[in-house]
Amino acid sequence: MRLGGRRTSSNIERQTGGGRGGFRIPGGLRGGRRGGGMPIPIPASGRGQLGCGSIALILIVFLVMSYLNGGLGNLGLTDGSGGPVGGGEVTRGEQAIQDETDRFVAQVLGSTEDRWSEIFAERGERYVPATLVFYDNRGSSGCGAADSAMGPFYCPADRKIYLDTSFFNQLRTELGAGGDFAQAYVVAHEVGHHIQTITGISADVRRQQQRASREEGNALQVRMELQADCYAGVWANRERDAMEPGDLEEGMRAAAAIGDDALQRAAQGYVVPESFTHGTSEQRQRWLRRGIESGDPAACDTFSARRL
């Protein structure tokens, strides 16, 4: 993806020196703490770099069990009171950018701001952008602690995207889904959750989930995630001049790699459809492609779709 020379977003922060905190397994999707995110790749037995010795084993078991009990995109780490964990220093703007990966992410975010501002203006509205927060391993958010074990996520409470860019390395090395457009898709997907928040879709879905069974709540969450995929495609459609040969294939590989069925099959050897929270590989590819082909947010109404 050709974004060289593009502006970097000023809505960038970096957290350093994350604080204390412990693991908390949430009570399911209906907690509504996080607006959605990318499920983290679960390494196959004997792979991955999660730590050393027994700590690594404990963490792997925790991650797999958490995934099976509600989806890694919805994990929360808190200080026990439900509030954000930790502290540390925060830098903003250009000072938050440490390397070329950070700069590319900041350029993608700037591009989403420009394109979604145009889309909102077409209907007489003003787009208020999200802030993207870089952190390494541990951080804090308005939805609780941020931890690299969660994967990227969007927090509706503070309207910020949280990203440890080591997630991109996992996509490339563990799932074979590398490439700059794969990275851009991850960022644009999280921006899609921001769109859902500022348009009221997210709040409406959370209200429905409060009244729903766990399985029904999961099904609603799948529609949320697929719509965010479609919104990512809408952004890509509006940036066709920046697309390079092979970018679409990178996006499709990334979408397939993080489908619920693919992750569950890797984690446990079989799939449990009623526990899906992000959609299958095929569904994620379909809705990303639909956004890319249409360029129209109205084409992303997953909630009315009979077929996902």
C-alpha atoms as a PDB file:
ATOM      1  CA  MET A   1       0.000   0.000   0.000  1.00  0.00           C
ATOM      2  CA  ARG A   2       1.502   3.320  -1.091  1.00  0.00           C
ATOM      3  CA  LEU A   3       1.109   5.809   1.743  1.00  0.00           C
ATOM      4  CA  GLY A   4       4.567   7.332   1.526  1.00  0.00           C
ATOM      5  CA  GLY A   5       4.366  11.087   1.868  1.00  0.00           C
ATOM      6  CA  ARG A   6       0.878  10.948   3.358  1.00  0.00           C
ATOM      7  CA  ARG A   7       0.223  12.879   6.535  1.00  0.00           C
ATOM      8  CA  THR A   8       0.387  11.086   9.843  1.00  0.00           C
ATOM      9  CA  SER A   9      -2.549  11.479  12.184  1.00  0.00           C
ATOM     10  CA  SER A  10      -2.049  13.762  15.169  1.00  0.00           C
ATOM     11  CA  ASN A  11      -4.441  11.559  17.165  1.00  0.00           C
ATOM     12  CA  ILE A  12      -1.655   9.230  18.283  1.00  0.00           C
ATOM     13  CA  GLU A  13      -0.476   8.406  21.781  1.00  0.00           C
ATOM     14  CA  ARG A  14       2.121   6.085  23.253  1.00  0.00           C
ATOM     15  CA  GLN A  15       1.994   4.622  26.737  1.00  0.00           C
ATOM     16  CA  THR A  16       5.191   3.529  28.433  1.00  0.00           C
ATOM     17  CA  GLY A  17       5.774   2.033  31.855  1.00  0.00           C
ATOM     18  CA  GLY A  18       2.523   0.067  32.258  1.00  0.00           C
ATOM     19  CA  GLY A  19       1.378  -0.516  35.813  1.00  0.00           C
ATOM     20  CA  ARG A  20       0.163  -3.292  38.047  1.00  0.00           C
ATOM     21  CA  GLY A  21      -2.752  -5.610  37.525  1.00  0.00           C
ATOM     22  CA  GLY A  22      -3.826  -9.221  37.325  1.00  0.00           C
ATOM     23  CA  PHE A  23      -5.828 -11.482  35.068  1.00  0.00           C
ATOM     24  CA  ARG A  24      -9.580 -11.298  35.159  1.00  0.00           C
ATOM     25  CA  ILE A  25     -11.717 -13.624  33.058  1.00  0.00           C
ATOM     26  CA  PRO A  26     -14.805 -11.609  32.119  1.00  0.00           C
ATOM     27  CA  GLY A  27     -18.364 -12.795  32.469  1.00  0.00           C
ATOM     28  CA  GLY A  28     -19.077 -12.961  28.774  1.00  0.00           C
ATOM     29  CA  LEU A  29     -19.905 -10.642  25.929  1.00  0.00           C
ATOM     30  CA  ARG A  30     -22.790  -8.994  27.645  1.00  0.00           C
ATOM     31  CA  GLY A  31     -20.415  -7.089  29.910  1.00  0.00           C
ATOM     32  CA  GLY A  32     -20.102  -4.645  27.021  1.00  0.00           C
ATOM     33  CA  ARG A  33     -16.726  -3.324  28.172  1.00  0.00           C
ATOM     34  CA  ARG A  34     -14.956  -3.410  24.825  1.00  0.00           C
ATOM     35  CA  GLY A  35     -16.295  -2.286  21.517  1.00  0.00           C
ATOM     36  CA  GLY A  36     -14.604  -5.073  19.636  1.00  0.00           C
ATOM     37  CA  GLY A  37     -11.247  -6.067  18.338  1.00  0.00           C
ATOM     38  CA  MET A  38      -9.056  -8.509  16.513  1.00  0.00           C
ATOM     39  CA  PRO A  39      -8.791 -11.946  18.154  1.00  0.00           C
ATOM     40  CA  ILE A  40      -5.189 -12.739  18.875  1.00  0.00           C
ATOM     41  CA  PRO A  41      -3.637 -15.737  17.071  1.00  0.00           C
ATOM     42  CA  ILE A  42      -3.332 -18.734  19.395  1.00  0.00           C
ATOM     43  CA  PRO A  43      -0.086 -20.606  18.798  1.00  0.00           C
ATOM     44  CA  ALA A  44      -0.207 -24.336  18.137  1.00  0.00           C
ATOM     45  CA  SER A  45       1.296 -26.549  20.824  1.00  0.00           C
ATOM     46  CA  GLY A  46       5.005 -25.955  21.163  1.00  0.00           C
ATOM     47  CA  ARG A  47       5.012 -22.657  19.218  1.00  0.00           C
ATOM     48  CA  GLY A  48       4.915 -19.018  20.168  1.00  0.00           C
ATOM     49  CA  GLN A  49       7.007 -16.687  22.314  1.00  0.00           C
ATOM     50  CA  LEU A  50       4.773 -16.008  25.291  1.00  0.00           C
ATOM     51  CA  GLY A  51       7.389 -16.332  27.978  1.00  0.00           C
ATOM     52  CA  CYS A  52       9.525 -18.991  29.585  1.00  0.00           C
ATOM     53  CA  GLY A  53       8.991 -22.107  31.656  1.00  0.00           C
ATOM     54  CA  SER A  54       5.839 -22.517  33.678  1.00  0.00           C
ATOM     55  CA  ILE A  55       4.791 -18.880  33.147  1.00  0.00           C
ATOM     56  CA  ALA A  56       4.440 -19.525  29.431  1.00  0.00           C
ATOM     57  CA  LEU A  57       2.432 -22.697  30.020  1.00  0.00           C
ATOM     58  CA  ILE A  58       0.052 -20.933  32.418  1.00  0.00           C
ATOM     59  CA  LEU A  59      -0.446 -18.055  29.993  1.00  0.00           C
ATOM     60  CA  ILE A  60      -1.109 -20.355  27.043  1.00  0.00           C
ATOM     61  CA  VAL A  61      -3.727 -22.263  29.037  1.00  0.00           C
ATOM     62  CA  PHE A  62      -5.294 -18.977  30.139  1.00  0.00           C
ATOM     63  CA  LEU A  63      -5.455 -17.645  26.605  1.00  0.00           C
ATOM     64  CA  VAL A  64      -6.993 -20.790  25.163  1.00  0.00           C
ATOM     65  CA  MET A  65      -9.560 -21.096  27.940  1.00  0.00           C
ATOM     66  CA  SER A  66     -10.429 -17.411  27.694  1.00  0.00           C
ATOM     67  CA  TYR A  67     -10.958 -17.769  23.973  1.00  0.00           C
ATOM     68  CA  LEU A  68     -13.243 -20.733  24.466  1.00  0.00           C
ATOM     69  CA  ASN A  69     -15.208 -18.832  27.128  1.00  0.00           C
ATOM     70  CA  GLY A  70     -15.999 -15.678  25.229  1.00  0.00           C
ATOM     71  CA  GLY A  71     -13.377 -14.593  22.763  1.00  0.00           C
ATOM     72  CA  LEU A  72      -9.976 -13.014  23.246  1.00  0.00           C
ATOM     73  CA  GLY A  73     -11.193  -9.734  21.837  1.00  0.00           C
ATOM     74  CA  ASN A  74     -13.215  -9.295  25.025  1.00  0.00           C
ATOM     75  CA  LEU A  75     -10.675 -10.020  27.746  1.00  0.00           C
ATOM     76  CA  GLY A  76     -10.308  -7.427  30.473  1.00  0.00           C
ATOM     77  CA  LEU A  77      -7.553  -6.746  32.965  1.00  0.00           C
ATOM     78  CA  THR A  78      -8.527  -4.505  35.855  1.00  0.00           C
ATOM     79  CA  ASP A  79      -7.271  -3.442  39.237  1.00  0.00           C
ATOM     80  CA  GLY A  80     -10.225  -5.218  40.864  1.00  0.00           C
ATOM     81  CA  SER A  81     -12.434  -2.136  40.943  1.00  0.00           C
ATOM     82  CA  GLY A  82     -13.299  -2.194  37.258  1.00  0.00           C
ATOM     83  CA  GLY A  83     -11.206   0.838  36.455  1.00  0.00           C
ATOM     84  CA  PRO A  84      -8.130   1.248  34.297  1.00  0.00           C
ATOM     85  CA  VAL A  85      -4.943  -0.369  35.516  1.00  0.00           C
ATOM     86  CA  GLY A  86      -1.554   1.202  35.714  1.00  0.00           C
ATOM     87  CA  GLY A  87      -0.249   4.520  34.532  1.00  0.00           C
ATOM     88  CA  GLY A  88       3.154   5.423  33.168  1.00  0.00           C
ATOM     89  CA  GLU A  89       4.123   8.126  30.741  1.00  0.00           C
ATOM     90  CA  VAL A  90       2.124   9.218  27.701  1.00  0.00           C
ATOM     91  CA  THR A  91       3.585  10.917  24.636  1.00  0.00           C
ATOM     92  CA  ARG A  92       1.488  12.283  21.811  1.00  0.00           C
ATOM     93  CA  GLY A  93       1.700  13.108  18.144  1.00  0.00           C
ATOM     94  CA  GLU A  94       5.051  12.779  16.404  1.00  0.00           C
ATOM     95  CA  GLN A  95       6.786  11.934  19.680  1.00  0.00           C
ATOM     96  CA  ALA A  96       4.654   8.782  19.950  1.00  0.00           C
ATOM     97  CA  ILE A  97       6.082   7.385  16.693  1.00  0.00           C
ATOM     98  CA  GLN A  98       9.132   5.206  17.273  1.00  0.00           C
ATOM     99  CA  ASP A  99       9.668   3.316  14.025  1.00  0.00           C
ATOM    100  CA  GLU A 100       8.421   2.873  10.475  1.00  0.00           C
ATOM    101  CA  THR A 101       5.659   0.493  11.516  1.00  0.00           C
ATOM    102  CA  ASP A 102       4.322   3.161  13.880  1.00  0.00           C
ATOM    103  CA  ARG A 103       4.540   5.736  11.115  1.00  0.00           C
ATOM    104  CA  PHE A 104       2.647   3.521   8.684  1.00  0.00           C
ATOM    105  CA  VAL A 105      -0.083   2.943  11.272  1.00  0.00           C
ATOM    106  CA  ALA A 106      -0.286   6.700  11.884  1.00  0.00           C
ATOM    107  CA  GLN A 107      -0.592   7.274   8.134  1.00  0.00           C
ATOM    108  CA  VAL A 108      -3.356   4.681   7.863  1.00  0.00           C
ATOM    109  CA  LEU A 109      -5.167   6.349  10.748  1.00  0.00           C
ATOM    110  CA  GLY A 110      -4.782   9.735   9.049  1.00  0.00           C
ATOM    111  CA  SER A 111      -6.181   8.255   5.854  1.00  0.00           C
ATOM    112  CA  THR A 112      -9.202   6.829   7.677  1.00  0.00           C
ATOM    113  CA  GLU A 113      -9.812  10.263   9.182  1.00  0.00           C
ATOM    114  CA  ASP A 114      -9.780  11.880   5.741  1.00  0.00           C
ATOM    115  CA  ARG A 115     -11.944   9.295   4.025  1.00  0.00           C
ATOM    116  CA  TRP A 116     -14.531   8.970   6.808  1.00  0.00           C
ATOM    117  CA  SER A 117     -14.695  12.763   7.074  1.00  0.00           C
ATOM    118  CA  GLU A 118     -15.651  12.785   3.384  1.00  0.00           C
ATOM    119  CA  ILE A 119     -18.240  10.044   3.895  1.00  0.00           C
ATOM    120  CA  PHE A 120     -19.827  11.828   6.854  1.00  0.00           C
ATOM    121  CA  ALA A 121     -19.792  15.146   4.990  1.00  0.00           C
ATOM    122  CA  GLU A 122     -21.729  13.529   2.140  1.00  0.00           C
ATOM    123  CA  ARG A 123     -24.644  13.180   4.533  1.00  0.00           C
ATOM    124  CA  GLY A 124     -24.173  16.542   6.210  1.00  0.00           C
ATOM    125  CA  GLU A 125     -22.431  15.270   9.325  1.00  0.00           C
ATOM    126  CA  ARG A 126     -19.025  15.801  10.927  1.00  0.00           C
ATOM    127  CA  TYR A 127     -16.686  12.939  11.675  1.00  0.00           C
ATOM    128  CA  VAL A 128     -14.968  13.018  15.059  1.00  0.00           C
ATOM    129  CA  PRO A 129     -11.913  10.747  14.860  1.00  0.00           C
ATOM    130  CA  ALA A 130     -10.669   8.188  17.351  1.00  0.00           C
ATOM    131  CA  THR A 131      -7.271   8.269  19.043  1.00  0.00           C
ATOM    132  CA  LEU A 132      -4.880   5.360  18.564  1.00  0.00           C
ATOM    133  CA  VAL A 133      -2.703   4.343  21.512  1.00  0.00           C
ATOM    134  CA  PHE A 134       0.534   2.422  21.043  1.00  0.00           C
ATOM    135  CA  TYR A 135       1.769   0.353  23.964  1.00  0.00           C
ATOM    136  CA  ASP A 136       4.312  -2.402  24.540  1.00  0.00           C
ATOM    137  CA  ASN A 137       3.077  -5.491  26.388  1.00  0.00           C
ATOM    138  CA  ARG A 138       1.022  -3.653  29.017  1.00  0.00           C
ATOM    139  CA  GLY A 139      -1.018  -0.467  29.049  1.00  0.00           C
ATOM    140  CA  SER A 140      -4.255   0.946  30.393  1.00  0.00           C
ATOM    141  CA  SER A 141      -7.522   1.984  28.777  1.00  0.00           C
ATOM    142  CA  GLY A 142     -10.908   3.327  29.735  1.00  0.00           C
ATOM    143  CA  CYS A 143     -12.131  -0.280  29.509  1.00  0.00           C
ATOM    144  CA  GLY A 144      -9.524  -1.751  31.848  1.00  0.00           C
ATOM    145  CA  ALA A 145      -5.944  -2.774  31.237  1.00  0.00           C
ATOM    146  CA  ALA A 146      -4.519  -3.304  27.784  1.00  0.00           C
ATOM    147  CA  ASP A 147      -2.380  -6.379  27.323  1.00  0.00           C
ATOM    148  CA  SER A 148      -0.680  -7.671  24.193  1.00  0.00           C
ATOM    149  CA  ALA A 149      -2.371 -11.040  24.835  1.00  0.00           C
ATOM    150  CA  MET A 150      -5.697  -9.432  23.888  1.00  0.00           C
ATOM    151  CA  GLY A 151      -4.766  -8.321  20.409  1.00  0.00           C
ATOM    152  CA  PRO A 152      -5.804  -4.885  19.090  1.00  0.00           C
ATOM    153  CA  PHE A 153      -9.091  -3.537  20.441  1.00  0.00           C
ATOM    154  CA  TYR A 154     -11.298  -0.466  20.503  1.00  0.00           C
ATOM    155  CA  CYS A 155     -12.598   0.935  23.785  1.00  0.00           C
ATOM    156  CA  PRO A 156     -15.913   2.815  23.443  1.00  0.00           C
ATOM    157  CA  ALA A 157     -15.564   4.328  26.935  1.00  0.00           C
ATOM    158  CA  ASP A 158     -12.666   6.574  25.876  1.00  0.00           C
ATOM    159  CA  ARG A 159     -13.080   6.165  22.097  1.00  0.00           C
ATOM    160  CA  LYS A 160      -9.524   4.977  21.614  1.00  0.00           C
ATOM    161  CA  ILE A 161      -7.888   2.141  19.691  1.00  0.00           C
ATOM    162  CA  TYR A 162      -5.219   0.161  21.573  1.00  0.00           C
ATOM    163  CA  LEU A 163      -2.463  -1.524  19.601  1.00  0.00           C
ATOM    164  CA  ASP A 164       0.696  -3.409  20.439  1.00  0.00           C
ATOM    165  CA  THR A 165       2.280  -3.667  17.003  1.00  0.00           C
ATOM    166  CA  SER A 166       3.814  -7.038  17.907  1.00  0.00           C
ATOM    167  CA  PHE A 167       0.401  -8.350  16.796  1.00  0.00           C
ATOM    168  CA  PHE A 168       1.547  -7.750  13.218  1.00  0.00           C
ATOM    169  CA  ASN A 169       4.507 -10.068  13.787  1.00  0.00           C
ATOM    170  CA  GLN A 170       2.119 -12.785  14.966  1.00  0.00           C
ATOM    171  CA  LEU A 171      -0.022 -12.356  11.868  1.00  0.00           C
ATOM    172  CA  ARG A 172       3.040 -12.730   9.677  1.00  0.00           C
ATOM    173  CA  THR A 173       5.021 -15.453  11.443  1.00  0.00           C
ATOM    174  CA  GLU A 174       2.298 -17.618  12.970  1.00  0.00           C
ATOM    175  CA  LEU A 175      -0.549 -17.244  10.489  1.00  0.00           C
ATOM    176  CA  GLY A 176       1.183 -16.324   7.242  1.00  0.00           C
ATOM    177  CA  ALA A 177      -0.834 -13.114   6.924  1.00  0.00           C
ATOM    178  CA  GLY A 178       1.844 -10.461   6.592  1.00  0.00           C
ATOM    179  CA  GLY A 179       1.969  -7.373   4.430  1.00  0.00           C
ATOM    180  CA  ASP A 180       1.268  -3.689   4.794  1.00  0.00           C
ATOM    181  CA  PHE A 181      -2.353  -3.954   3.696  1.00  0.00           C
ATOM    182  CA  ALA A 182      -2.963  -6.668   6.295  1.00  0.00           C
ATOM    183  CA  GLN A 183      -1.734  -4.180   8.887  1.00  0.00           C
ATOM    184  CA  ALA A 184      -3.895  -1.432   7.421  1.00  0.00           C
ATOM    185  CA  TYR A 185      -6.928  -3.739   7.550  1.00  0.00           C
ATOM    186  CA  VAL A 186      -6.389  -4.275  11.291  1.00  0.00           C
ATOM    187  CA  VAL A 187      -6.331  -0.521  11.932  1.00  0.00           C
ATOM    188  CA  ALA A 188      -9.292   0.161   9.645  1.00  0.00           C
ATOM    189  CA  HIS A 189     -11.301  -2.606  11.345  1.00  0.00           C
ATOM    190  CA  GLU A 190     -10.825  -0.945  14.733  1.00  0.00           C
ATOM    191  CA  VAL A 191     -11.803   2.395  13.214  1.00  0.00           C
ATOM    192  CA  GLY A 192     -14.926   0.569  12.043  1.00  0.00           C
ATOM    193  CA  HIS A 193     -15.815  -0.054  15.688  1.00  0.00           C
ATOM    194  CA  HIS A 194     -15.384   3.664  16.305  1.00  0.00           C
ATOM    195  CA  ILE A 195     -17.859   4.355  13.499  1.00  0.00           C
ATOM    196  CA  GLN A 196     -20.308   2.006  15.223  1.00  0.00           C
ATOM    197  CA  THR A 197     -19.866   3.913  18.476  1.00  0.00           C
ATOM    198  CA  ILE A 198     -20.374   7.427  17.143  1.00  0.00           C
ATOM    199  CA  THR A 199     -23.366   6.384  15.023  1.00  0.00           C
ATOM    200  CA  GLY A 200     -25.088   4.655  17.959  1.00  0.00           C
ATOM    201  CA  ILE A 201     -24.919   1.131  16.531  1.00  0.00           C
ATOM    202  CA  SER A 202     -22.675  -0.126  19.301  1.00  0.00           C
ATOM    203  CA  ALA A 203     -24.895   1.157  22.113  1.00  0.00           C
ATOM    204  CA  ASP A 204     -27.956  -0.395  20.501  1.00  0.00           C
ATOM    205  CA  VAL A 205     -26.240  -3.772  20.164  1.00  0.00           C
ATOM    206  CA  ARG A 206     -25.050  -3.673  23.781  1.00  0.00           C
ATOM    207  CA  ARG A 207     -28.612  -3.041  24.938  1.00  0.00           C
ATOM    208  CA  GLN A 208     -29.795  -6.034  22.941  1.00  0.00           C
ATOM    209  CA  GLN A 209     -26.992  -8.171  24.370  1.00  0.00           C
ATOM    210  CA  GLN A 210     -28.025  -7.298  27.909  1.00  0.00           C
ATOM    211  CA  ARG A 211     -31.387  -8.975  27.237  1.00  0.00           C
ATOM    212  CA  ALA A 212     -30.017 -11.852  25.183  1.00  0.00           C
ATOM    213  CA  SER A 213     -28.748 -15.295  26.022  1.00  0.00           C
ATOM    214  CA  ARG A 214     -25.021 -15.926  25.723  1.00  0.00           C
ATOM    215  CA  GLU A 215     -25.460 -17.574  22.318  1.00  0.00           C
ATOM    216  CA  GLU A 216     -27.663 -14.726  21.078  1.00  0.00           C
ATOM    217  CA  GLY A 217     -25.175 -12.195  22.414  1.00  0.00           C
ATOM    218  CA  ASN A 218     -22.366 -13.952  20.584  1.00  0.00           C
ATOM    219  CA  ALA A 219     -24.379 -13.883  17.357  1.00  0.00           C
ATOM    220  CA  LEU A 220     -24.901 -10.135  17.717  1.00  0.00           C
ATOM    221  CA  GLN A 221     -21.188  -9.674  18.338  1.00  0.00           C
ATOM    222  CA  VAL A 222     -20.406 -11.566  15.144  1.00  0.00           C
ATOM    223  CA  ARG A 223     -22.551  -9.106  13.195  1.00  0.00           C
ATOM    224  CA  MET A 224     -20.728  -6.236  14.887  1.00  0.00           C
ATOM    225  CA  GLU A 225     -17.334  -7.618  13.899  1.00  0.00           C
ATOM    226  CA  LEU A 226     -18.351  -8.372  10.317  1.00  0.00           C
ATOM    227  CA  GLN A 227     -19.727  -4.866   9.920  1.00  0.00           C
ATOM    228  CA  ALA A 228     -16.383  -3.483  11.128  1.00  0.00           C
ATOM    229  CA  ASP A 229     -14.697  -5.657   8.496  1.00  0.00           C
ATOM    230  CA  CYS A 230     -17.005  -4.205   5.862  1.00  0.00           C
ATOM    231  CA  TYR A 231     -16.290  -0.660   7.044  1.00  0.00           C
ATOM    232  CA  ALA A 232     -12.573  -1.432   6.685  1.00  0.00           C
ATOM    233  CA  GLY A 233     -13.318  -2.399   3.090  1.00  0.00           C
ATOM    234  CA  VAL A 234     -15.233   0.839   2.506  1.00  0.00           C
ATOM    235  CA  TRP A 235     -12.144   2.770   3.570  1.00  0.00           C
ATOM    236  CA  ALA A 236      -9.951   0.672   1.251  1.00  0.00           C
ATOM    237  CA  ASN A 237     -12.329   1.359  -1.656  1.00  0.00           C
ATOM    238  CA  ARG A 238     -11.862   5.082  -1.108  1.00  0.00           C
ATOM    239  CA  GLU A 239      -8.080   4.613  -1.176  1.00  0.00           C
ATOM    240  CA  ARG A 240      -7.847   2.643  -4.403  1.00  0.00           C
ATOM    241  CA  ASP A 241      -5.104   4.933  -5.724  1.00  0.00           C
ATOM    242  CA  ALA A 242      -2.905   3.788  -2.842  1.00  0.00           C
ATOM    243  CA  MET A 243      -3.592   0.081  -3.407  1.00  0.00           C
ATOM    244  CA  GLU A 244      -0.865  -2.046  -4.960  1.00  0.00           C
ATOM    245  CA  PRO A 245      -1.005  -5.436  -6.675  1.00  0.00           C
ATOM    246  CA  GLY A 246      -1.370  -8.112  -4.038  1.00  0.00           C
ATOM    247  CA  ASP A 247      -2.956  -5.842  -1.408  1.00  0.00           C
ATOM    248  CA  LEU A 248      -6.396  -7.391  -1.770  1.00  0.00           C
ATOM    249  CA  GLU A 249      -4.916 -10.863  -1.365  1.00  0.00           C
ATOM    250  CA  GLU A 250      -3.089  -9.727   1.791  1.00  0.00           C
ATOM    251  CA  GLY A 251      -6.358  -8.505   3.244  1.00  0.00           C
ATOM    252  CA  MET A 252      -8.159 -11.727   2.371  1.00  0.00           C
ATOM    253  CA  ARG A 253      -5.415 -13.841   3.958  1.00  0.00           C
ATOM    254  CA  ALA A 254      -5.547 -11.776   7.134  1.00  0.00           C
ATOM    255  CA  ALA A 255      -9.350 -11.999   7.317  1.00  0.00           C
ATOM    256  CA  ALA A 256      -9.199 -15.772   6.833  1.00  0.00           C
ATOM    257  CA  ALA A 257      -6.427 -16.224   9.382  1.00  0.00           C
ATOM    258  CA  ILE A 258      -8.402 -14.621  12.210  1.00  0.00           C
ATOM    259  CA  GLY A 259     -11.762 -16.236  11.571  1.00  0.00           C
ATOM    260  CA  ASP A 260     -13.267 -17.920  14.621  1.00  0.00           C
ATOM    261  CA  ASP A 261     -13.279 -21.311  12.933  1.00  0.00           C
ATOM    262  CA  ALA A 262      -9.611 -21.050  11.979  1.00  0.00           C
ATOM    263  CA  LEU A 263      -8.548 -19.985  15.482  1.00  0.00           C
ATOM    264  CA  GLN A 264     -10.667 -22.588  17.248  1.00  0.00           C
ATOM    265  CA  ARG A 265      -9.457 -25.342  14.959  1.00  0.00           C
ATOM    266  CA  ALA A 266      -5.857 -24.344  15.697  1.00  0.00           C
ATOM    267  CA  ALA A 267      -6.517 -24.135  19.437  1.00  0.00           C
ATOM    268  CA  GLN A 268      -8.552 -27.292  20.003  1.00  0.00           C
ATOM    269  CA  GLY A 269      -8.864 -29.193  16.758  1.00  0.00           C
ATOM    270  CA  TYR A 270     -12.608 -28.577  16.291  1.00  0.00           C
ATOM    271  CA  VAL A 271     -15.040 -25.655  16.135  1.00  0.00           C
ATOM    272  CA  VAL A 272     -18.001 -24.621  18.288  1.00  0.00           C
ATOM    273  CA  PRO A 273     -20.125 -22.309  16.102  1.00  0.00           C
ATOM    274  CA  GLU A 274     -22.360 -21.082  18.922  1.00  0.00           C
ATOM    275  CA  SER A 275     -19.282 -19.656  20.658  1.00  0.00           C
ATOM    276  CA  PHE A 276     -18.158 -17.625  17.629  1.00  0.00           C
ATOM    277  CA  THR A 277     -17.722 -13.906  18.349  1.00  0.00           C
ATOM    278  CA  HIS A 278     -16.020 -12.583  15.212  1.00  0.00           C
ATOM    279  CA  GLY A 279     -17.263 -14.704  12.314  1.00  0.00           C
ATOM    280  CA  THR A 280     -15.815 -17.470  10.210  1.00  0.00           C
ATOM    281  CA  SER A 281     -12.926 -16.993   7.826  1.00  0.00           C
ATOM    282  CA  GLU A 282     -15.329 -17.067   4.876  1.00  0.00           C
ATOM    283  CA  GLN A 283     -17.647 -14.513   6.464  1.00  0.00           C
ATOM    284  CA  ARG A 284     -14.828 -12.115   7.314  1.00  0.00           C
ATOM    285  CA  GLN A 285     -13.498 -12.328   3.781  1.00  0.00           C
ATOM    286  CA  ARG A 286     -16.965 -11.841   2.297  1.00  0.00           C
ATOM    287  CA  TRP A 287     -17.772  -8.693   4.261  1.00  0.00           C
ATOM    288  CA  LEU A 288     -14.330  -7.168   3.793  1.00  0.00           C
ATOM    289  CA  ARG A 289     -14.679  -7.747   0.049  1.00  0.00           C
ATOM    290  CA  ARG A 290     -18.210  -6.323   0.073  1.00  0.00           C
ATOM    291  CA  GLY A 291     -16.928  -3.085   1.543  1.00  0.00           C
ATOM    292  CA  ILE A 292     -14.055  -2.925  -0.921  1.00  0.00           C
ATOM    293  CA  GLU A 293     -16.323  -3.514  -3.904  1.00  0.00           C
ATOM    294  CA  SER A 294     -19.127  -1.159  -2.839  1.00  0.00           C
ATOM    295  CA  GLY A 295     -17.382   1.696  -1.070  1.00  0.00           C
ATOM    296  CA  ASP A 296     -20.744   2.328   0.569  1.00  0.00           C
ATOM    297  CA  PRO A 297     -21.339   2.073   4.339  1.00  0.00           C
ATOM    298  CA  ALA A 298     -24.991   1.301   3.622  1.00  0.00           C
ATOM    299  CA  ALA A 299     -23.853  -1.991   2.066  1.00  0.00           C
ATOM    300  CA  CYS A 300     -22.462  -3.016   5.464  1.00  0.00           C
ATOM    301  CA  ASP A 301     -25.791  -3.641   7.215  1.00  0.00           C
ATOM    302  CA  THR A 302     -24.909  -7.007   8.670  1.00  0.00           C
ATOM    303  CA  PHE A 303     -27.802  -6.757  11.127  1.00  0.00           C
ATOM    304  CA  SER A 304     -30.424  -7.016   8.371  1.00  0.00           C
ATOM    305  CA  ALA A 305     -28.537  -9.565   6.307  1.00  0.00           C
ATOM    306  CA  ARG A 306     -30.089 -13.015   6.084  1.00  0.00           C
ATOM    307  CA  ARG A 307     -26.800 -14.542   5.075  1.00  0.00           C
ATOM    308  CA  LEU A 308     -23.581 -13.609   6.793  1.00  0.00           C
END
